[in-house]
Amino acid sequence: MRLPKKVKVLERVYPVVKVKDRYGGEIADGKIYVGIADQRDILANFMHELCEVILIEFGFRYQNWPLPDNSNYVFVMNHREFDLFIRELSKIIRQMIEK
């Protein structure tokens, strides 16, 4: 699977870093880290992190206090906001396909 070297979400550019010995993904230090240890999961890992970045940029991800780990994130949006999310995701996917 060929991943982009970077993605632009709204006005912020996120470098995409492939990590050979990782199975999942992560957003850290302004970058999207994508585990490529299992070739079958690369697209799912990338899409998961990309969607999460978009939701973060729109302010739709919340930390469910008091446990500071990623299993407690809550995503909240109404239908209009969901449409904004889908439009941003579609714009990024379109750019990837057209390259």
PDB file of N, CA and C in Angstrom:
ATOM      1  N   MET A   1       0.852  -1.184   0.000  1.00  0.00           N
ATOM      2  CA  MET A   1       0.000   0.000   0.000  1.00  0.00           C
ATOM      3  C   MET A   1       0.885   1.230   0.000  1.00  0.00           C
ATOM      4  N   ARG A   2       0.657   2.101  -0.910  1.00  0.00           N
ATOM      5  CA  ARG A   2       1.414   3.348  -0.991  1.00  0.00           C
ATOM      6  C   ARG A   2       0.677   4.436  -0.210  1.00  0.00           C
ATOM      7  N   LEU A   3       1.333   4.956   0.800  1.00  0.00           N
ATOM      8  CA  LEU A   3       0.760   6.018   1.613  1.00  0.00           C
ATOM      9  C   LEU A   3       1.329   7.358   1.170  1.00  0.00           C
ATOM     10  N   PRO A   4       0.565   8.429   1.360  1.00  0.00           N
ATOM     11  CA  PRO A   4       1.113   9.752   1.039  1.00  0.00           C
ATOM     12  C   PRO A   4       2.212  10.112   2.040  1.00  0.00           C
ATOM     13  N   LYS A   5       3.121  10.965   1.650  1.00  0.00           N
ATOM     14  CA  LYS A   5       4.188  11.416   2.552  1.00  0.00           C
ATOM     15  C   LYS A   5       3.661  12.436   3.561  1.00  0.00           C
ATOM     16  N   LYS A   6       2.565  13.107   3.185  1.00  0.00           N
ATOM     17  CA  LYS A   6       1.947  14.082   4.072  1.00  0.00           C
ATOM     18  C   LYS A   6       0.497  14.266   3.654  1.00  0.00           C
ATOM     19  N   VAL A   7      -0.312  14.744   4.592  1.00  0.00           N
ATOM     20  CA  VAL A   7      -1.701  15.090   4.290  1.00  0.00           C
ATOM     21  C   VAL A   7      -1.978  16.465   4.877  1.00  0.00           C
ATOM     22  N   LYS A   8      -2.806  17.223   4.175  1.00  0.00           N
ATOM     23  CA  LYS A   8      -3.207  18.539   4.654  1.00  0.00           C
ATOM     24  C   LYS A   8      -4.633  18.438   5.154  1.00  0.00           C
ATOM     25  N   VAL A   9      -4.808  18.687   6.444  1.00  0.00           N
ATOM     26  CA  VAL A   9      -6.125  18.655   7.072  1.00  0.00           C
ATOM     27  C   VAL A   9      -6.463  20.082   7.460  1.00  0.00           C
ATOM     28  N   LEU A  10      -7.523  20.603   6.843  1.00  0.00           N
ATOM     29  CA  LEU A  10      -7.844  22.019   6.947  1.00  0.00           C
ATOM     30  C   LEU A  10      -6.601  22.790   6.504  1.00  0.00           C
ATOM     31  N   GLU A  11      -5.957  23.535   7.355  1.00  0.00           N
ATOM     32  CA  GLU A  11      -4.768  24.296   6.934  1.00  0.00           C
ATOM     33  C   GLU A  11      -3.477  23.754   7.535  1.00  0.00           C
ATOM     34  N   ARG A  12      -3.542  22.601   8.185  1.00  0.00           N
ATOM     35  CA  ARG A  12      -2.356  22.047   8.839  1.00  0.00           C
ATOM     36  C   ARG A  12      -1.846  20.823   8.076  1.00  0.00           C
ATOM     37  N   VAL A  13      -0.532  20.769   7.881  1.00  0.00           N
ATOM     38  CA  VAL A  13       0.085  19.639   7.175  1.00  0.00           C
ATOM     39  C   VAL A  13       0.628  18.656   8.201  1.00  0.00           C
ATOM     40  N   TYR A  14       0.254  17.384   8.030  1.00  0.00           N
ATOM     41  CA  TYR A  14       0.722  16.307   8.893  1.00  0.00           C
ATOM     42  C   TYR A  14       1.615  15.368   8.086  1.00  0.00           C
ATOM     43  N   PRO A  15       2.901  15.257   8.431  1.00  0.00           N
ATOM     44  CA  PRO A  15       3.728  14.234   7.797  1.00  0.00           C
ATOM     45  C   PRO A  15       3.203  12.847   8.164  1.00  0.00           C
ATOM     46  N   VAL A  16       3.285  11.914   7.221  1.00  0.00           N
ATOM     47  CA  VAL A  16       2.865  10.531   7.461  1.00  0.00           C
ATOM     48  C   VAL A  16       4.137   9.694   7.564  1.00  0.00           C
ATOM     49  N   VAL A  17       4.306   9.033   8.704  1.00  0.00           N
ATOM     50  CA  VAL A  17       5.508   8.247   8.983  1.00  0.00           C
ATOM     51  C   VAL A  17       5.135   6.772   9.067  1.00  0.00           C
ATOM     52  N   LYS A  18       5.767   5.950   8.236  1.00  0.00           N
ATOM     53  CA  LYS A  18       5.541   4.503   8.278  1.00  0.00           C
ATOM     54  C   LYS A  18       6.464   3.892   9.334  1.00  0.00           C
ATOM     55  N   VAL A  19       5.891   3.020  10.179  1.00  0.00           N
ATOM     56  CA  VAL A  19       6.656   2.384  11.248  1.00  0.00           C
ATOM     57  C   VAL A  19       6.602   0.876  11.030  1.00  0.00           C
ATOM     58  N   LYS A  20       7.752   0.290  10.703  1.00  0.00           N
ATOM     59  CA  LYS A  20       7.811  -1.118  10.298  1.00  0.00           C
ATOM     60  C   LYS A  20       7.387  -2.100  11.377  1.00  0.00           C
ATOM     61  N   ASP A  21       7.733  -1.848  12.625  1.00  0.00           N
ATOM     62  CA  ASP A  21       7.459  -2.828  13.682  1.00  0.00           C
ATOM     63  C   ASP A  21       6.206  -2.510  14.498  1.00  0.00           C
ATOM     64  N   ARG A  22       5.315  -1.695  13.956  1.00  0.00           N
ATOM     65  CA  ARG A  22       4.088  -1.333  14.666  1.00  0.00           C
ATOM     66  C   ARG A  22       2.878  -1.908  13.947  1.00  0.00           C
ATOM     67  N   TYR A  23       1.872  -2.288  14.727  1.00  0.00           N
ATOM     68  CA  TYR A  23       0.650  -2.848  14.157  1.00  0.00           C
ATOM     69  C   TYR A  23      -0.489  -1.843  14.100  1.00  0.00           C
ATOM     70  N   GLY A  24      -0.448  -0.811  14.886  1.00  0.00           N
ATOM     71  CA  GLY A  24      -1.515   0.187  14.891  1.00  0.00           C
ATOM     72  C   GLY A  24      -1.017   1.512  14.356  1.00  0.00           C
ATOM     73  N   GLY A  25      -1.554   2.568  14.902  1.00  0.00           N
ATOM     74  CA  GLY A  25      -1.136   3.891  14.493  1.00  0.00           C
ATOM     75  C   GLY A  25      -1.158   4.831  15.668  1.00  0.00           C
ATOM     76  N   GLU A  26      -0.715   6.066  15.421  1.00  0.00           N
ATOM     77  CA  GLU A  26      -0.650   7.045  16.494  1.00  0.00           C
ATOM     78  C   GLU A  26      -0.519   8.439  15.887  1.00  0.00           C
ATOM     79  N   ILE A  27      -1.042   9.408  16.611  1.00  0.00           N
ATOM     80  CA  ILE A  27      -0.847  10.818  16.265  1.00  0.00           C
ATOM     81  C   ILE A  27       0.008  11.401  17.381  1.00  0.00           C
ATOM     82  N   ALA A  28       1.189  11.869  17.024  1.00  0.00           N
ATOM     83  CA  ALA A  28       2.085  12.442  18.036  1.00  0.00           C
ATOM     84  C   ALA A  28       3.044  13.411  17.356  1.00  0.00           C
ATOM     85  N   ASP A  29       3.438  14.426  18.080  1.00  0.00           N
ATOM     86  CA  ASP A  29       4.420  15.393  17.581  1.00  0.00           C
ATOM     87  C   ASP A  29       4.016  16.009  16.243  1.00  0.00           C
ATOM     88  N   GLY A  30       2.729  16.179  16.009  1.00  0.00           N
ATOM     89  CA  GLY A  30       2.264  16.770  14.760  1.00  0.00           C
ATOM     90  C   GLY A  30       2.411  15.863  13.553  1.00  0.00           C
ATOM     91  N   LYS A  31       2.571  14.549  13.795  1.00  0.00           N
ATOM     92  CA  LYS A  31       2.737  13.578  12.712  1.00  0.00           C
ATOM     93  C   LYS A  31       1.743  12.437  12.863  1.00  0.00           C
ATOM     94  N   ILE A  32       1.463  11.787  11.743  1.00  0.00           N
ATOM     95  CA  ILE A  32       0.632  10.583  11.744  1.00  0.00           C
ATOM     96  C   ILE A  32       1.577   9.394  11.569  1.00  0.00           C
ATOM     97  N   TYR A  33       1.638   8.544  12.575  1.00  0.00           N
ATOM     98  CA  TYR A  33       2.467   7.345  12.527  1.00  0.00           C
ATOM     99  C   TYR A  33       1.567   6.164  12.155  1.00  0.00           C
ATOM    100  N   VAL A  34       1.977   5.406  11.140  1.00  0.00           N
ATOM    101  CA  VAL A  34       1.167   4.299  10.639  1.00  0.00           C
ATOM    102  C   VAL A  34       1.980   3.012  10.720  1.00  0.00           C
ATOM    103  N   GLY A  35       1.456   2.053  11.477  1.00  0.00           N
ATOM    104  CA  GLY A  35       2.113   0.759  11.569  1.00  0.00           C
ATOM    105  C   GLY A  35       1.951  -0.020  10.280  1.00  0.00           C
ATOM    106  N   ILE A  36       3.070  -0.570   9.793  1.00  0.00           N
ATOM    107  CA  ILE A  36       3.034  -1.333   8.542  1.00  0.00           C
ATOM    108  C   ILE A  36       3.515  -2.773   8.755  1.00  0.00           C
ATOM    109  N   ALA A  37       3.531  -3.228  10.006  1.00  0.00           N
ATOM    110  CA  ALA A  37       3.996  -4.579  10.304  1.00  0.00           C
ATOM    111  C   ALA A  37       3.109  -5.630   9.636  1.00  0.00           C
ATOM    112  N   ASP A  38       1.828  -5.358   9.542  1.00  0.00           N
ATOM    113  CA  ASP A  38       0.897  -6.278   8.876  1.00  0.00           C
ATOM    114  C   ASP A  38       0.339  -5.562   7.644  1.00  0.00           C
ATOM    115  N   GLN A  39       0.756  -5.998   6.482  1.00  0.00           N
ATOM    116  CA  GLN A  39       0.364  -5.355   5.220  1.00  0.00           C
ATOM    117  C   GLN A  39      -1.153  -5.257   5.056  1.00  0.00           C
ATOM    118  N   ARG A  40      -1.892  -6.205   5.617  1.00  0.00           N
ATOM    119  CA  ARG A  40      -3.354  -6.204   5.470  1.00  0.00           C
ATOM    120  C   ARG A  40      -4.015  -5.069   6.233  1.00  0.00           C
ATOM    121  N   ASP A  41      -3.321  -4.500   7.210  1.00  0.00           N
ATOM    122  CA  ASP A  41      -3.919  -3.468   8.063  1.00  0.00           C
ATOM    123  C   ASP A  41      -3.447  -2.051   7.767  1.00  0.00           C
ATOM    124  N   ILE A  42      -2.568  -1.874   6.794  1.00  0.00           N
ATOM    125  CA  ILE A  42      -2.001  -0.549   6.544  1.00  0.00           C
ATOM    126  C   ILE A  42      -3.086   0.473   6.222  1.00  0.00           C
ATOM    127  N   LEU A  43      -3.994   0.149   5.316  1.00  0.00           N
ATOM    128  CA  LEU A  43      -5.045   1.101   4.955  1.00  0.00           C
ATOM    129  C   LEU A  43      -5.935   1.413   6.159  1.00  0.00           C
ATOM    130  N   ALA A  44      -6.322   0.401   6.906  1.00  0.00           N
ATOM    131  CA  ALA A  44      -7.168   0.624   8.082  1.00  0.00           C
ATOM    132  C   ALA A  44      -6.444   1.485   9.117  1.00  0.00           C
ATOM    133  N   ASN A  45      -5.156   1.221   9.342  1.00  0.00           N
ATOM    134  CA  ASN A  45      -4.386   2.021  10.296  1.00  0.00           C
ATOM    135  C   ASN A  45      -4.324   3.482   9.849  1.00  0.00           C
ATOM    136  N   PHE A  46      -4.033   3.682   8.570  1.00  0.00           N
ATOM    137  CA  PHE A  46      -3.944   5.048   8.045  1.00  0.00           C
ATOM    138  C   PHE A  46      -5.289   5.761   8.134  1.00  0.00           C
ATOM    139  N   MET A  47      -6.359   5.100   7.700  1.00  0.00           N
ATOM    140  CA  MET A  47      -7.680   5.723   7.714  1.00  0.00           C
ATOM    141  C   MET A  47      -8.124   6.055   9.137  1.00  0.00           C
ATOM    142  N   HIS A  48      -7.833   5.165  10.075  1.00  0.00           N
ATOM    143  CA  HIS A  48      -8.181   5.405  11.476  1.00  0.00           C
ATOM    144  C   HIS A  48      -7.525   6.697  11.963  1.00  0.00           C
ATOM    145  N   GLU A  49      -6.220   6.810  11.748  1.00  0.00           N
ATOM    146  CA  GLU A  49      -5.502   7.990  12.220  1.00  0.00           C
ATOM    147  C   GLU A  49      -5.901   9.247  11.449  1.00  0.00           C
ATOM    148  N   LEU A  50      -6.104   9.124  10.151  1.00  0.00           N
ATOM    149  CA  LEU A  50      -6.536  10.270   9.350  1.00  0.00           C
ATOM    150  C   LEU A  50      -7.885  10.787   9.837  1.00  0.00           C
ATOM    151  N   CYS A  51      -8.830   9.898  10.040  1.00  0.00           N
ATOM    152  CA  CYS A  51     -10.152  10.325  10.538  1.00  0.00           C
ATOM    153  C   CYS A  51     -10.031  10.977  11.904  1.00  0.00           C
ATOM    154  N   GLU A  52      -9.197  10.412  12.749  1.00  0.00           N
ATOM    155  CA  GLU A  52      -9.034  10.992  14.075  1.00  0.00           C
ATOM    156  C   GLU A  52      -8.419  12.391  14.001  1.00  0.00           C
ATOM    157  N   VAL A  53      -7.435  12.582  13.128  1.00  0.00           N
ATOM    158  CA  VAL A  53      -6.834  13.909  12.956  1.00  0.00           C
ATOM    159  C   VAL A  53      -7.885  14.920  12.501  1.00  0.00           C
ATOM    160  N   ILE A  54      -8.708  14.530  11.545  1.00  0.00           N
ATOM    161  CA  ILE A  54      -9.760  15.443  11.069  1.00  0.00           C
ATOM    162  C   ILE A  54     -10.704  15.797  12.213  1.00  0.00           C
ATOM    163  N   LEU A  55     -11.107  14.807  12.979  1.00  0.00           N
ATOM    164  CA  LEU A  55     -12.016  15.054  14.101  1.00  0.00           C
ATOM    165  C   LEU A  55     -11.366  15.942  15.164  1.00  0.00           C
ATOM    166  N   ILE A  56     -10.071  15.765  15.382  1.00  0.00           N
ATOM    167  CA  ILE A  56      -9.346  16.629  16.321  1.00  0.00           C
ATOM    168  C   ILE A  56      -9.334  18.067  15.808  1.00  0.00           C
ATOM    169  N   GLU A  57      -8.998  18.237  14.538  1.00  0.00           N
ATOM    170  CA  GLU A  57      -8.913  19.584  13.962  1.00  0.00           C
ATOM    171  C   GLU A  57     -10.255  20.312  14.023  1.00  0.00           C
ATOM    172  N   PHE A  58     -11.342  19.596  13.869  1.00  0.00           N
ATOM    173  CA  PHE A  58     -12.669  20.215  13.967  1.00  0.00           C
ATOM    174  C   PHE A  58     -13.122  20.389  15.423  1.00  0.00           C
ATOM    175  N   GLY A  59     -12.379  19.795  16.355  1.00  0.00           N
ATOM    176  CA  GLY A  59     -12.748  19.912  17.763  1.00  0.00           C
ATOM    177  C   GLY A  59     -13.844  18.951  18.183  1.00  0.00           C
ATOM    178  N   PHE A  60     -13.940  17.798  17.525  1.00  0.00           N
ATOM    179  CA  PHE A  60     -14.998  16.825  17.816  1.00  0.00           C
ATOM    180  C   PHE A  60     -14.518  15.671  18.701  1.00  0.00           C
ATOM    181  N   ARG A  61     -13.233  15.654  19.073  1.00  0.00           N
ATOM    182  CA  ARG A  61     -12.729  14.593  19.947  1.00  0.00           C
ATOM    183  C   ARG A  61     -12.539  15.161  21.339  1.00  0.00           C
ATOM    184  N   TYR A  62     -13.011  14.412  22.325  1.00  0.00           N
ATOM    185  CA  TYR A  62     -12.922  14.824  23.719  1.00  0.00           C
ATOM    186  C   TYR A  62     -12.294  13.715  24.541  1.00  0.00           C
ATOM    187  N   GLN A  63     -11.580  14.119  25.594  1.00  0.00           N
ATOM    188  CA  GLN A  63     -10.989  13.162  26.531  1.00  0.00           C
ATOM    189  C   GLN A  63     -11.996  12.900  27.633  1.00  0.00           C
ATOM    190  N   ASN A  64     -12.328  11.630  27.835  1.00  0.00           N
ATOM    191  CA  ASN A  64     -13.246  11.250  28.899  1.00  0.00           C
ATOM    192  C   ASN A  64     -12.465  11.156  30.205  1.00  0.00           C
ATOM    193  N   TRP A  65     -12.511  12.213  30.958  1.00  0.00           N
ATOM    194  CA  TRP A  65     -11.751  12.340  32.200  1.00  0.00           C
ATOM    195  C   TRP A  65     -12.206  11.308  33.202  1.00  0.00           C
ATOM    196  N   PRO A  66     -11.378  10.757  34.073  1.00  0.00           N
ATOM    197  CA  PRO A  66     -10.011  11.150  34.407  1.00  0.00           C
ATOM    198  C   PRO A  66      -8.938  10.241  33.801  1.00  0.00           C
ATOM    199  N   LEU A  67      -9.304   9.270  33.015  1.00  0.00           N
ATOM    200  CA  LEU A  67      -8.310   8.322  32.503  1.00  0.00           C
ATOM    201  C   LEU A  67      -7.668   8.844  31.218  1.00  0.00           C
ATOM    202  N   PRO A  68      -6.390   9.200  31.268  1.00  0.00           N
ATOM    203  CA  PRO A  68      -5.733   9.811  30.102  1.00  0.00           C
ATOM    204  C   PRO A  68      -5.153   8.786  29.119  1.00  0.00           C
ATOM    205  N   ASP A  69      -5.991   7.960  28.553  1.00  0.00           N
ATOM    206  CA  ASP A  69      -5.497   7.045  27.522  1.00  0.00           C
ATOM    207  C   ASP A  69      -6.480   7.031  26.356  1.00  0.00           C
ATOM    208  N   ASN A  70      -6.028   6.512  25.229  1.00  0.00           N
ATOM    209  CA  ASN A  70      -6.833   6.627  24.015  1.00  0.00           C
ATOM    210  C   ASN A  70      -8.101   5.786  24.006  1.00  0.00           C
ATOM    211  N   SER A  71      -8.265   4.879  24.968  1.00  0.00           N
ATOM    212  CA  SER A  71      -9.498   4.096  24.999  1.00  0.00           C
ATOM    213  C   SER A  71     -10.672   4.911  25.530  1.00  0.00           C
ATOM    214  N   ASN A  72     -10.399   6.102  26.034  1.00  0.00           N
ATOM    215  CA  ASN A  72     -11.451   6.937  26.622  1.00  0.00           C
ATOM    216  C   ASN A  72     -11.820   8.146  25.788  1.00  0.00           C
ATOM    217  N   TYR A  73     -11.334   8.230  24.546  1.00  0.00           N
ATOM    218  CA  TYR A  73     -11.732   9.345  23.697  1.00  0.00           C
ATOM    219  C   TYR A  73     -13.207   9.214  23.322  1.00  0.00           C
ATOM    220  N   VAL A  74     -13.871  10.349  23.269  1.00  0.00           N
ATOM    221  CA  VAL A  74     -15.273  10.406  22.878  1.00  0.00           C
ATOM    222  C   VAL A  74     -15.370  11.368  21.695  1.00  0.00           C
ATOM    223  N   PHE A  75     -16.091  10.960  20.658  1.00  0.00           N
ATOM    224  CA  PHE A  75     -16.271  11.798  19.474  1.00  0.00           C
ATOM    225  C   PHE A  75     -17.726  12.246  19.431  1.00  0.00           C
ATOM    226  N   VAL A  76     -17.929  13.570  19.390  1.00  0.00           N
ATOM    227  CA  VAL A  76     -19.277  14.120  19.452  1.00  0.00           C
ATOM    228  C   VAL A  76     -19.448  15.134  18.318  1.00  0.00           C
ATOM    229  N   MET A  77     -20.524  14.936  17.538  1.00  0.00           N
ATOM    230  CA  MET A  77     -20.835  15.886  16.468  1.00  0.00           C
ATOM    231  C   MET A  77     -22.288  15.709  16.067  1.00  0.00           C
ATOM    232  N   ASN A  78     -22.854  16.758  15.540  1.00  0.00           N
ATOM    233  CA  ASN A  78     -24.203  16.652  14.998  1.00  0.00           C
ATOM    234  C   ASN A  78     -24.109  16.303  13.507  1.00  0.00           C
ATOM    235  N   HIS A  79     -25.231  16.203  12.824  1.00  0.00           N
ATOM    236  CA  HIS A  79     -25.219  15.772  11.424  1.00  0.00           C
ATOM    237  C   HIS A  79     -24.526  16.782  10.511  1.00  0.00           C
ATOM    238  N   ARG A  80     -24.709  18.058  10.758  1.00  0.00           N
ATOM    239  CA  ARG A  80     -24.030  19.087   9.966  1.00  0.00           C
ATOM    240  C   ARG A  80     -22.520  18.975  10.131  1.00  0.00           C
ATOM    241  N   GLU A  81     -22.077  18.755  11.369  1.00  0.00           N
ATOM    242  CA  GLU A  81     -20.644  18.600  11.633  1.00  0.00           C
ATOM    243  C   GLU A  81     -20.107  17.303  11.023  1.00  0.00           C
ATOM    244  N   PHE A  82     -20.919  16.255  11.038  1.00  0.00           N
ATOM    245  CA  PHE A  82     -20.535  15.002  10.381  1.00  0.00           C
ATOM    246  C   PHE A  82     -20.322  15.239   8.890  1.00  0.00           C
ATOM    247  N   ASP A  83     -21.180  16.039   8.288  1.00  0.00           N
ATOM    248  CA  ASP A  83     -21.028  16.378   6.873  1.00  0.00           C
ATOM    249  C   ASP A  83     -19.709  17.112   6.626  1.00  0.00           C
ATOM    250  N   LEU A  84     -19.341  18.045   7.517  1.00  0.00           N
ATOM    251  CA  LEU A  84     -18.055  18.733   7.393  1.00  0.00           C
ATOM    252  C   LEU A  84     -16.900  17.741   7.444  1.00  0.00           C
ATOM    253  N   PHE A  85     -16.983  16.801   8.367  1.00  0.00           N
ATOM    254  CA  PHE A  85     -15.957  15.758   8.495  1.00  0.00           C
ATOM    255  C   PHE A  85     -15.834  14.948   7.198  1.00  0.00           C
ATOM    256  N   ILE A  86     -16.967  14.501   6.666  1.00  0.00           N
ATOM    257  CA  ILE A  86     -16.960  13.686   5.445  1.00  0.00           C
ATOM    258  C   ILE A  86     -16.404  14.476   4.268  1.00  0.00           C
ATOM    259  N   ARG A  87     -16.749  15.739   4.164  1.00  0.00           N
ATOM    260  CA  ARG A  87     -16.232  16.568   3.063  1.00  0.00           C
ATOM    261  C   ARG A  87     -14.706  16.722   3.152  1.00  0.00           C
ATOM    262  N   GLU A  88     -14.188  16.904   4.352  1.00  0.00           N
ATOM    263  CA  GLU A  88     -12.735  17.027   4.516  1.00  0.00           C
ATOM    264  C   GLU A  88     -12.052  15.689   4.204  1.00  0.00           C
ATOM    265  N   LEU A  89     -12.619  14.599   4.680  1.00  0.00           N
ATOM    266  CA  LEU A  89     -12.066  13.271   4.385  1.00  0.00           C
ATOM    267  C   LEU A  89     -12.092  13.003   2.886  1.00  0.00           C
ATOM    268  N   SER A  90     -13.179  13.328   2.228  1.00  0.00           N
ATOM    269  CA  SER A  90     -13.305  13.115   0.780  1.00  0.00           C
ATOM    270  C   SER A  90     -12.286  13.928   0.003  1.00  0.00           C
ATOM    271  N   LYS A  91     -12.051  15.162   0.443  1.00  0.00           N
ATOM    272  CA  LYS A  91     -11.071  16.026  -0.222  1.00  0.00           C
ATOM    273  C   LYS A  91      -9.679  15.390  -0.168  1.00  0.00           C
ATOM    274  N   ILE A  92      -9.312  14.845   0.981  1.00  0.00           N
ATOM    275  CA  ILE A  92      -7.997  14.227   1.143  1.00  0.00           C
ATOM    276  C   ILE A  92      -7.894  12.951   0.312  1.00  0.00           C
ATOM    277  N   ILE A  93      -8.927  12.123   0.331  1.00  0.00           N
ATOM    278  CA  ILE A  93      -8.902  10.881  -0.451  1.00  0.00           C
ATOM    279  C   ILE A  93      -8.843  11.188  -1.940  1.00  0.00           C
ATOM    280  N   ARG A  94      -9.576  12.196  -2.372  1.00  0.00           N
ATOM    281  CA  ARG A  94      -9.549  12.593  -3.787  1.00  0.00           C
ATOM    282  C   ARG A  94      -8.131  12.976  -4.210  1.00  0.00           C
ATOM    283  N   GLN A  95      -7.437  13.744  -3.379  1.00  0.00           N
ATOM    284  CA  GLN A  95      -6.059  14.130  -3.682  1.00  0.00           C
ATOM    285  C   GLN A  95      -5.155  12.907  -3.777  1.00  0.00           C
ATOM    286  N   MET A  96      -5.372  11.925  -2.928  1.00  0.00           N
ATOM    287  CA  MET A  96      -4.549  10.708  -2.952  1.00  0.00           C
ATOM    288  C   MET A  96      -4.803   9.917  -4.229  1.00  0.00           C
ATOM    289  N   ILE A  97      -6.053   9.824  -4.641  1.00  0.00           N
ATOM    290  CA  ILE A  97      -6.411   9.045  -5.838  1.00  0.00           C
ATOM    291  C   ILE A  97      -5.895   9.719  -7.091  1.00  0.00           C
ATOM    292  N   GLU A  98      -5.961  11.026  -7.155  1.00  0.00           N
ATOM    293  CA  GLU A  98      -5.574  11.758  -8.354  1.00  0.00           C
ATOM    294  C   GLU A  98      -4.077  11.842  -8.568  1.00  0.00           C
ATOM    295  N   LYS A  99      -3.290  11.471  -7.575  1.00  0.00           N
ATOM    296  CA  LYS A  99      -1.821  11.528  -7.738  1.00  0.00           C
ATOM    297  C   LYS A  99      -1.314  10.391  -8.578  1.00  0.00           C
TER     298      LYS A  99
END
